[in-house]
Amino acid sequence: MEAVMRITDTLKSFREARLSALRGPQEFFDHHRLSRPADMSQATQRISYNTRYFSGNYGIIVAILAVYAFLTNPLLLIAMGFLVGGFAAINRFAPDPVQFGDRTITQKHLYIALFVIGIPLLWIASPLSTLFWIVGASGILIIGHASLMEPGIESEYATVQDSV
């Protein structure tokens, strides 16, 4: 019960911290503010400001790309479902040792069997390439958007507040 409360508190704090930083689609996709930065210094300043300003939106982009990556890799879904479902099933249905003839099967034996089947299945599903695809795709989208989007008027006030 305490673990459920911690998860609930964590989700509430995540929602308050990240989702409160969401900007509306009209502001995030404002094509009037798109322009090519004059030089690398201006691009760096824009990236620095926009990654903080649009952090909630960029988090949603990463989440959408992650969901897309998992849905387009069915073997990874099967491997993760097998491992997570196996852990849940072992913990729920086999907490005590079970006797089969002269053999006693413990949770340790079940976990070993789960790993012997699940780890090679997970390796074949190539989770690292999926992770690198998510990082690369989100990095290109986020850095591209952040460098092309001109900061709004509020960015001038942010520098005044920082210096006070």
N, C-alpha and C. Protein backbone atom coordinates (compact mmCIF):
# COMPACT_ATOMS: atom_id res chain seq x y z
N MET A 1 0.83 -1.19 0.00
CA MET A 1 0.00 0.00 0.00
C MET A 1 0.88 1.26 0.00
N GLU A 2 1.98 1.18 0.73
CA GLU A 2 2.89 2.32 0.80
C GLU A 2 3.56 2.57 -0.56
N ALA A 3 3.84 1.51 -1.29
CA ALA A 3 4.45 1.66 -2.62
C ALA A 3 3.48 2.35 -3.58
N VAL A 4 2.20 2.04 -3.47
CA VAL A 4 1.20 2.69 -4.32
C VAL A 4 1.12 4.18 -4.00
N MET A 5 1.22 4.51 -2.74
CA MET A 5 1.19 5.92 -2.34
C MET A 5 2.42 6.66 -2.88
N ARG A 6 3.60 6.01 -2.84
CA ARG A 6 4.80 6.65 -3.38
C ARG A 6 4.69 6.86 -4.88
N ILE A 7 4.13 5.87 -5.58
CA ILE A 7 3.95 6.00 -7.02
C ILE A 7 2.97 7.13 -7.32
N THR A 8 1.89 7.21 -6.57
CA THR A 8 0.91 8.27 -6.76
C THR A 8 1.52 9.63 -6.51
N ASP A 9 2.31 9.76 -5.43
CA ASP A 9 2.97 11.03 -5.13
C ASP A 9 3.98 11.40 -6.22
N THR A 10 4.70 10.40 -6.74
CA THR A 10 5.67 10.66 -7.80
C THR A 10 4.97 11.13 -9.06
N LEU A 11 3.85 10.51 -9.41
CA LEU A 11 3.10 10.93 -10.59
C LEU A 11 2.52 12.33 -10.42
N LYS A 12 2.05 12.65 -9.23
CA LYS A 12 1.53 14.00 -8.98
C LYS A 12 2.63 15.05 -9.10
N SER A 13 3.80 14.76 -8.53
CA SER A 13 4.90 15.73 -8.62
C SER A 13 5.39 15.86 -10.05
N PHE A 14 5.39 14.74 -10.80
CA PHE A 14 5.78 14.80 -12.22
C PHE A 14 4.79 15.66 -12.99
N ARG A 15 3.51 15.45 -12.74
CA ARG A 15 2.48 16.22 -13.44
C ARG A 15 2.60 17.70 -13.11
N GLU A 16 2.83 18.02 -11.85
CA GLU A 16 2.95 19.42 -11.47
C GLU A 16 4.21 20.06 -12.05
N ALA A 17 5.32 19.31 -12.05
CA ALA A 17 6.57 19.89 -12.51
C ALA A 17 6.66 19.96 -14.02
N ARG A 18 6.37 18.89 -14.72
CA ARG A 18 6.58 18.83 -16.17
C ARG A 18 5.37 19.28 -16.97
N LEU A 19 4.22 18.78 -16.62
CA LEU A 19 3.05 19.09 -17.42
C LEU A 19 2.56 20.52 -17.20
N SER A 20 2.95 21.14 -16.09
CA SER A 20 2.61 22.54 -15.91
C SER A 20 3.43 23.42 -16.84
N ALA A 21 4.55 22.89 -17.35
CA ALA A 21 5.40 23.64 -18.26
C ALA A 21 4.97 23.48 -19.72
N LEU A 22 3.85 22.82 -19.96
CA LEU A 22 3.37 22.66 -21.34
C LEU A 22 2.95 24.00 -21.92
N ARG A 23 3.34 24.23 -23.13
CA ARG A 23 2.91 25.43 -23.87
C ARG A 23 1.87 24.98 -24.89
N GLY A 24 0.98 25.86 -25.22
CA GLY A 24 -0.08 25.53 -26.16
C GLY A 24 0.45 25.26 -27.56
N PRO A 25 -0.31 24.51 -28.35
CA PRO A 25 0.15 24.21 -29.71
C PRO A 25 0.32 25.45 -30.57
N GLN A 26 -0.52 26.48 -30.36
CA GLN A 26 -0.38 27.69 -31.14
C GLN A 26 0.94 28.40 -30.85
N GLU A 27 1.44 28.26 -29.64
CA GLU A 27 2.74 28.85 -29.30
C GLU A 27 3.89 27.95 -29.74
N PHE A 28 3.72 26.64 -29.58
CA PHE A 28 4.78 25.70 -29.93
C PHE A 28 4.98 25.63 -31.44
N PHE A 29 3.91 25.72 -32.21
CA PHE A 29 3.99 25.63 -33.66
C PHE A 29 3.84 26.99 -34.34
N ASP A 30 4.20 28.07 -33.66
CA ASP A 30 4.06 29.42 -34.21
C ASP A 30 5.07 29.62 -35.35
N HIS A 31 4.58 29.52 -36.59
CA HIS A 31 5.47 29.61 -37.74
C HIS A 31 5.97 31.03 -37.98
N HIS A 32 5.35 32.04 -37.34
CA HIS A 32 5.82 33.42 -37.49
C HIS A 32 7.13 33.66 -36.74
N ARG A 33 7.40 32.82 -35.74
CA ARG A 33 8.63 32.98 -34.95
C ARG A 33 9.78 32.11 -35.47
N LEU A 34 9.58 31.40 -36.56
CA LEU A 34 10.64 30.56 -37.12
C LEU A 34 11.59 31.40 -37.96
N SER A 35 12.86 31.26 -37.70
CA SER A 35 13.87 31.93 -38.51
C SER A 35 15.20 31.22 -38.32
N ARG A 36 16.05 31.39 -39.29
CA ARG A 36 17.38 30.78 -39.24
C ARG A 36 18.25 31.63 -38.32
N PRO A 37 18.95 31.01 -37.38
CA PRO A 37 19.83 31.81 -36.51
C PRO A 37 20.99 32.40 -37.31
N ALA A 38 21.42 33.59 -36.91
CA ALA A 38 22.47 34.30 -37.64
C ALA A 38 23.82 33.60 -37.52
N ASP A 39 24.12 33.09 -36.34
CA ASP A 39 25.40 32.41 -36.13
C ASP A 39 25.24 31.34 -35.06
N MET A 40 26.33 30.67 -34.76
CA MET A 40 26.28 29.57 -33.79
C MET A 40 25.97 30.08 -32.38
N SER A 41 26.42 31.28 -32.05
CA SER A 41 26.15 31.85 -30.73
C SER A 41 24.66 32.07 -30.53
N GLN A 42 24.00 32.61 -31.53
CA GLN A 42 22.56 32.83 -31.44
C GLN A 42 21.81 31.50 -31.38
N ALA A 43 22.26 30.52 -32.16
CA ALA A 43 21.63 29.20 -32.12
C ALA A 43 21.77 28.59 -30.74
N THR A 44 22.94 28.71 -30.13
CA THR A 44 23.16 28.17 -28.79
C THR A 44 22.28 28.87 -27.76
N GLN A 45 22.13 30.19 -27.88
CA GLN A 45 21.26 30.92 -26.96
C GLN A 45 19.81 30.48 -27.12
N ARG A 46 19.38 30.32 -28.36
CA ARG A 46 18.00 29.88 -28.60
C ARG A 46 17.77 28.47 -28.04
N ILE A 47 18.73 27.58 -28.28
CA ILE A 47 18.58 26.21 -27.77
C ILE A 47 18.52 26.22 -26.25
N SER A 48 19.38 27.00 -25.63
CA SER A 48 19.41 27.07 -24.17
C SER A 48 18.07 27.58 -23.63
N TYR A 49 17.55 28.64 -24.21
CA TYR A 49 16.29 29.20 -23.72
C TYR A 49 15.10 28.29 -24.04
N ASN A 50 15.01 27.85 -25.30
CA ASN A 50 13.84 27.09 -25.72
C ASN A 50 13.74 25.71 -25.08
N THR A 51 14.88 25.09 -24.77
CA THR A 51 14.79 23.78 -24.11
C THR A 51 14.21 23.92 -22.70
N ARG A 52 14.46 25.04 -22.04
CA ARG A 52 13.83 25.26 -20.74
C ARG A 52 12.38 25.68 -20.90
N TYR A 53 12.12 26.56 -21.86
CA TYR A 53 10.78 27.12 -22.04
C TYR A 53 9.79 26.06 -22.53
N PHE A 54 10.20 25.22 -23.46
CA PHE A 54 9.32 24.20 -24.03
C PHE A 54 9.62 22.81 -23.47
N SER A 55 10.15 22.71 -22.26
CA SER A 55 10.57 21.41 -21.73
C SER A 55 9.42 20.42 -21.65
N GLY A 56 8.23 20.86 -21.27
CA GLY A 56 7.08 19.97 -21.21
C GLY A 56 6.71 19.42 -22.58
N ASN A 57 6.72 20.30 -23.58
CA ASN A 57 6.41 19.87 -24.94
C ASN A 57 7.45 18.90 -25.47
N TYR A 58 8.71 19.16 -25.18
CA TYR A 58 9.77 18.26 -25.64
C TYR A 58 9.68 16.91 -24.93
N GLY A 59 9.26 16.91 -23.69
CA GLY A 59 9.05 15.64 -22.98
C GLY A 59 7.96 14.81 -23.63
N ILE A 60 6.90 15.48 -24.08
CA ILE A 60 5.82 14.77 -24.77
C ILE A 60 6.32 14.22 -26.11
N ILE A 61 7.17 14.97 -26.80
CA ILE A 61 7.73 14.49 -28.07
C ILE A 61 8.54 13.22 -27.84
N VAL A 62 9.38 13.22 -26.81
CA VAL A 62 10.17 12.03 -26.50
C VAL A 62 9.26 10.85 -26.15
N ALA A 63 8.21 11.10 -25.37
CA ALA A 63 7.28 10.03 -25.00
C ALA A 63 6.56 9.47 -26.23
N ILE A 64 6.14 10.34 -27.12
CA ILE A 64 5.46 9.88 -28.35
C ILE A 64 6.40 9.06 -29.20
N LEU A 65 7.65 9.50 -29.34
CA LEU A 65 8.62 8.73 -30.11
C LEU A 65 8.91 7.38 -29.46
N ALA A 66 8.95 7.34 -28.13
CA ALA A 66 9.19 6.07 -27.43
C ALA A 66 8.03 5.11 -27.65
N VAL A 67 6.81 5.60 -27.55
CA VAL A 67 5.64 4.75 -27.79
C VAL A 67 5.65 4.25 -29.23
N TYR A 68 5.97 5.13 -30.18
CA TYR A 68 6.04 4.72 -31.58
C TYR A 68 7.11 3.64 -31.79
N ALA A 69 8.27 3.83 -31.14
CA ALA A 69 9.35 2.86 -31.30
C ALA A 69 8.95 1.49 -30.74
N PHE A 70 8.27 1.48 -29.61
CA PHE A 70 7.85 0.20 -29.04
C PHE A 70 6.76 -0.46 -29.87
N LEU A 71 5.83 0.34 -30.39
CA LEU A 71 4.75 -0.23 -31.18
C LEU A 71 5.23 -0.76 -32.53
N THR A 72 6.29 -0.19 -33.06
CA THR A 72 6.80 -0.65 -34.35
C THR A 72 7.85 -1.74 -34.20
N ASN A 73 8.14 -2.15 -32.99
CA ASN A 73 9.06 -3.25 -32.75
C ASN A 73 8.31 -4.32 -31.94
N PRO A 74 7.53 -5.16 -32.63
CA PRO A 74 6.69 -6.12 -31.91
C PRO A 74 7.49 -7.15 -31.10
N LEU A 75 8.68 -7.50 -31.57
CA LEU A 75 9.48 -8.46 -30.80
C LEU A 75 9.92 -7.85 -29.47
N LEU A 76 10.21 -6.57 -29.46
CA LEU A 76 10.55 -5.91 -28.20
C LEU A 76 9.34 -5.88 -27.27
N LEU A 77 8.17 -5.63 -27.82
CA LEU A 77 6.95 -5.67 -27.00
C LEU A 77 6.74 -7.06 -26.40
N ILE A 78 6.95 -8.10 -27.21
CA ILE A 78 6.77 -9.47 -26.73
C ILE A 78 7.80 -9.78 -25.65
N ALA A 79 9.05 -9.41 -25.87
CA ALA A 79 10.11 -9.68 -24.89
C ALA A 79 9.85 -8.96 -23.58
N MET A 80 9.47 -7.69 -23.66
CA MET A 80 9.20 -6.94 -22.43
C MET A 80 7.96 -7.49 -21.74
N GLY A 81 6.93 -7.82 -22.50
CA GLY A 81 5.73 -8.41 -21.91
C GLY A 81 6.04 -9.74 -21.24
N PHE A 82 6.88 -10.55 -21.90
CA PHE A 82 7.26 -11.84 -21.33
C PHE A 82 8.01 -11.66 -20.02
N LEU A 83 8.98 -10.77 -19.99
CA LEU A 83 9.77 -10.57 -18.77
C LEU A 83 8.95 -9.95 -17.65
N VAL A 84 8.22 -8.89 -17.94
CA VAL A 84 7.42 -8.23 -16.90
C VAL A 84 6.28 -9.15 -16.44
N GLY A 85 5.62 -9.78 -17.40
CA GLY A 85 4.55 -10.72 -17.04
C GLY A 85 5.08 -11.91 -16.27
N GLY A 86 6.27 -12.39 -16.64
CA GLY A 86 6.89 -13.50 -15.92
C GLY A 86 7.20 -13.14 -14.48
N PHE A 87 7.77 -11.95 -14.27
CA PHE A 87 8.04 -11.52 -12.90
C PHE A 87 6.74 -11.43 -12.10
N ALA A 88 5.72 -10.82 -12.69
CA ALA A 88 4.45 -10.68 -11.98
C ALA A 88 3.83 -12.04 -11.68
N ALA A 89 3.86 -12.94 -12.65
CA ALA A 89 3.27 -14.26 -12.44
C ALA A 89 4.03 -15.06 -11.39
N ILE A 90 5.34 -15.01 -11.41
CA ILE A 90 6.13 -15.74 -10.40
C ILE A 90 5.85 -15.19 -9.01
N ASN A 91 5.83 -13.87 -8.88
CA ASN A 91 5.57 -13.27 -7.56
C ASN A 91 4.17 -13.55 -7.06
N ARG A 92 3.21 -13.60 -7.97
CA ARG A 92 1.82 -13.78 -7.54
C ARG A 92 1.43 -15.24 -7.34
N PHE A 93 1.82 -16.10 -8.29
CA PHE A 93 1.32 -17.48 -8.26
C PHE A 93 2.29 -18.50 -7.71
N ALA A 94 3.54 -18.14 -7.53
CA ALA A 94 4.51 -19.13 -7.04
C ALA A 94 5.38 -18.59 -5.92
N PRO A 95 4.78 -18.07 -4.85
CA PRO A 95 5.61 -17.56 -3.76
C PRO A 95 6.25 -18.70 -2.94
N ASP A 96 5.60 -19.84 -2.92
CA ASP A 96 6.11 -20.98 -2.15
C ASP A 96 6.65 -22.04 -3.11
N PRO A 97 7.60 -22.85 -2.64
CA PRO A 97 8.11 -23.94 -3.48
C PRO A 97 7.00 -24.93 -3.84
N VAL A 98 7.10 -25.49 -5.05
CA VAL A 98 6.11 -26.46 -5.54
C VAL A 98 6.82 -27.79 -5.74
N GLN A 99 6.17 -28.88 -5.31
CA GLN A 99 6.73 -30.22 -5.43
C GLN A 99 6.17 -30.90 -6.68
N PHE A 100 7.06 -31.34 -7.61
CA PHE A 100 6.70 -32.13 -8.79
C PHE A 100 7.45 -33.45 -8.69
N GLY A 101 6.76 -34.48 -8.25
CA GLY A 101 7.40 -35.79 -8.07
C GLY A 101 8.47 -35.67 -7.00
N ASP A 102 9.72 -35.96 -7.37
CA ASP A 102 10.81 -35.86 -6.41
C ASP A 102 11.57 -34.54 -6.55
N ARG A 103 11.10 -33.62 -7.41
CA ARG A 103 11.75 -32.32 -7.64
C ARG A 103 10.98 -31.21 -6.94
N THR A 104 11.70 -30.29 -6.33
CA THR A 104 11.10 -29.11 -5.72
C THR A 104 11.48 -27.89 -6.57
N ILE A 105 10.48 -27.18 -7.03
CA ILE A 105 10.70 -25.99 -7.87
C ILE A 105 10.49 -24.76 -6.98
N THR A 106 11.52 -23.95 -6.87
CA THR A 106 11.44 -22.74 -6.06
C THR A 106 11.34 -21.51 -6.98
N GLN A 107 11.14 -20.35 -6.33
CA GLN A 107 11.11 -19.11 -7.10
C GLN A 107 12.44 -18.89 -7.82
N LYS A 108 13.51 -19.27 -7.21
CA LYS A 108 14.83 -19.11 -7.82
C LYS A 108 14.91 -19.88 -9.14
N HIS A 109 14.41 -21.10 -9.18
CA HIS A 109 14.40 -21.89 -10.41
C HIS A 109 13.55 -21.22 -11.49
N LEU A 110 12.41 -20.67 -11.08
CA LEU A 110 11.51 -20.02 -12.04
C LEU A 110 12.15 -18.75 -12.61
N TYR A 111 12.82 -17.99 -11.75
CA TYR A 111 13.51 -16.78 -12.23
C TYR A 111 14.65 -17.14 -13.19
N ILE A 112 15.38 -18.19 -12.90
CA ILE A 112 16.45 -18.63 -13.79
C ILE A 112 15.87 -19.02 -15.16
N ALA A 113 14.77 -19.77 -15.16
CA ALA A 113 14.13 -20.15 -16.43
C ALA A 113 13.62 -18.91 -17.17
N LEU A 114 13.08 -17.96 -16.44
CA LEU A 114 12.61 -16.72 -17.06
C LEU A 114 13.76 -15.97 -17.72
N PHE A 115 14.91 -15.88 -17.02
CA PHE A 115 16.06 -15.21 -17.60
C PHE A 115 16.67 -15.97 -18.77
N VAL A 116 16.72 -17.30 -18.67
CA VAL A 116 17.30 -18.10 -19.75
C VAL A 116 16.50 -17.92 -21.05
N ILE A 117 15.19 -17.75 -20.94
CA ILE A 117 14.36 -17.54 -22.12
C ILE A 117 14.26 -16.05 -22.47
N GLY A 118 14.07 -15.21 -21.47
CA GLY A 118 13.78 -13.80 -21.70
C GLY A 118 14.96 -12.96 -22.16
N ILE A 119 16.14 -13.19 -21.61
CA ILE A 119 17.30 -12.37 -21.97
C ILE A 119 17.70 -12.57 -23.44
N PRO A 120 17.80 -13.81 -23.95
CA PRO A 120 18.09 -13.94 -25.39
C PRO A 120 16.97 -13.35 -26.26
N LEU A 121 15.74 -13.50 -25.85
CA LEU A 121 14.64 -12.92 -26.59
C LEU A 121 14.75 -11.39 -26.61
N LEU A 122 15.11 -10.82 -25.48
CA LEU A 122 15.31 -9.38 -25.40
C LEU A 122 16.50 -8.95 -26.24
N TRP A 123 17.56 -9.74 -26.25
CA TRP A 123 18.75 -9.41 -27.05
C TRP A 123 18.41 -9.40 -28.54
N ILE A 124 17.61 -10.36 -28.98
CA ILE A 124 17.20 -10.42 -30.39
C ILE A 124 16.32 -9.22 -30.75
N ALA A 125 15.55 -8.73 -29.79
CA ALA A 125 14.65 -7.61 -30.04
C ALA A 125 15.39 -6.28 -30.17
N SER A 126 16.69 -6.25 -29.89
CA SER A 126 17.57 -5.08 -30.02
C SER A 126 17.05 -3.82 -29.32
N PRO A 127 16.98 -3.85 -27.99
CA PRO A 127 16.51 -2.67 -27.28
C PRO A 127 17.49 -1.50 -27.36
N LEU A 128 18.78 -1.78 -27.51
CA LEU A 128 19.75 -0.67 -27.59
C LEU A 128 19.57 0.13 -28.88
N SER A 129 19.30 -0.55 -29.98
CA SER A 129 19.09 0.21 -31.21
C SER A 129 17.81 1.04 -31.11
N THR A 130 16.80 0.51 -30.44
CA THR A 130 15.57 1.28 -30.23
C THR A 130 15.86 2.50 -29.35
N LEU A 131 16.63 2.31 -28.29
CA LEU A 131 16.98 3.42 -27.42
C LEU A 131 17.77 4.48 -28.18
N PHE A 132 18.75 4.06 -28.98
CA PHE A 132 19.55 5.02 -29.73
C PHE A 132 18.69 5.73 -30.78
N TRP A 133 17.71 5.04 -31.37
CA TRP A 133 16.82 5.68 -32.32
C TRP A 133 15.99 6.75 -31.62
N ILE A 134 15.49 6.44 -30.43
CA ILE A 134 14.69 7.42 -29.69
C ILE A 134 15.53 8.64 -29.35
N VAL A 135 16.76 8.41 -28.87
CA VAL A 135 17.64 9.52 -28.51
C VAL A 135 17.98 10.35 -29.75
N GLY A 136 18.31 9.70 -30.85
CA GLY A 136 18.68 10.42 -32.06
C GLY A 136 17.53 11.20 -32.66
N ALA A 137 16.39 10.55 -32.79
CA ALA A 137 15.22 11.20 -33.39
C ALA A 137 14.74 12.36 -32.53
N SER A 138 14.66 12.15 -31.23
CA SER A 138 14.21 13.25 -30.37
C SER A 138 15.24 14.36 -30.32
N GLY A 139 16.52 14.02 -30.33
CA GLY A 139 17.56 15.05 -30.34
C GLY A 139 17.49 15.92 -31.58
N ILE A 140 17.31 15.30 -32.73
CA ILE A 140 17.21 16.08 -33.98
C ILE A 140 15.98 16.97 -33.96
N LEU A 141 14.84 16.43 -33.56
CA LEU A 141 13.62 17.23 -33.52
C LEU A 141 13.71 18.37 -32.52
N ILE A 142 14.20 18.08 -31.33
CA ILE A 142 14.25 19.09 -30.27
C ILE A 142 15.28 20.17 -30.60
N ILE A 143 16.47 19.78 -30.98
CA ILE A 143 17.50 20.78 -31.29
C ILE A 143 17.10 21.58 -32.53
N GLY A 144 16.50 20.91 -33.51
CA GLY A 144 16.04 21.63 -34.70
C GLY A 144 14.99 22.66 -34.35
N HIS A 145 13.98 22.27 -33.57
CA HIS A 145 12.92 23.21 -33.19
C HIS A 145 13.48 24.33 -32.32
N ALA A 146 14.30 23.96 -31.34
CA ALA A 146 14.82 24.97 -30.40
C ALA A 146 15.74 25.97 -31.08
N SER A 147 16.49 25.54 -32.08
CA SER A 147 17.39 26.49 -32.73
C SER A 147 16.67 27.37 -33.75
N LEU A 148 15.58 26.90 -34.33
CA LEU A 148 14.86 27.68 -35.33
C LEU A 148 13.80 28.61 -34.74
N MET A 149 13.33 28.32 -33.52
CA MET A 149 12.27 29.11 -32.91
C MET A 149 12.87 30.31 -32.17
N GLU A 150 12.47 31.51 -32.60
CA GLU A 150 12.93 32.73 -31.92
C GLU A 150 12.29 32.80 -30.54
N PRO A 151 13.06 33.17 -29.53
CA PRO A 151 12.46 33.35 -28.20
C PRO A 151 11.46 34.50 -28.23
N GLY A 152 10.42 34.39 -27.44
CA GLY A 152 9.40 35.42 -27.38
C GLY A 152 9.86 36.62 -26.56
N ILE A 153 8.98 37.56 -26.41
CA ILE A 153 9.27 38.77 -25.65
C ILE A 153 9.60 38.43 -24.20
N GLU A 154 8.96 37.38 -23.67
CA GLU A 154 9.18 37.00 -22.26
C GLU A 154 10.63 36.63 -21.99
N SER A 155 11.41 36.27 -23.02
CA SER A 155 12.81 35.92 -22.81
C SER A 155 13.62 37.14 -22.38
N GLU A 156 13.23 38.32 -22.82
CA GLU A 156 13.92 39.55 -22.39
C GLU A 156 13.70 39.80 -20.91
N TYR A 157 12.48 39.51 -20.44
CA TYR A 157 12.19 39.70 -19.02
C TYR A 157 12.88 38.65 -18.16
N ALA A 158 13.10 37.47 -18.71
CA ALA A 158 13.79 36.41 -17.96
C ALA A 158 15.22 36.80 -17.66
N THR A 159 15.89 37.47 -18.60
CA THR A 159 17.27 37.89 -18.34
C THR A 159 17.31 39.02 -17.32
N VAL A 160 16.30 39.86 -17.28
CA VAL A 160 16.23 40.94 -16.29
C VAL A 160 16.02 40.36 -14.91
N GLN A 161 15.14 39.35 -14.80
CA GLN A 161 14.88 38.72 -13.50
C GLN A 161 16.11 37.96 -13.00
N ASP A 162 16.88 37.36 -13.91
CA ASP A 162 18.07 36.62 -13.50
C ASP A 162 19.14 37.56 -12.95
N SER A 163 19.23 38.77 -13.49
CA SER A 163 20.29 39.68 -13.06
C SER A 163 19.94 40.41 -11.78
N VAL A 164 18.66 40.42 -11.38
CA VAL A 164 18.25 41.14 -10.17
C VAL A 164 18.52 40.37 -8.95
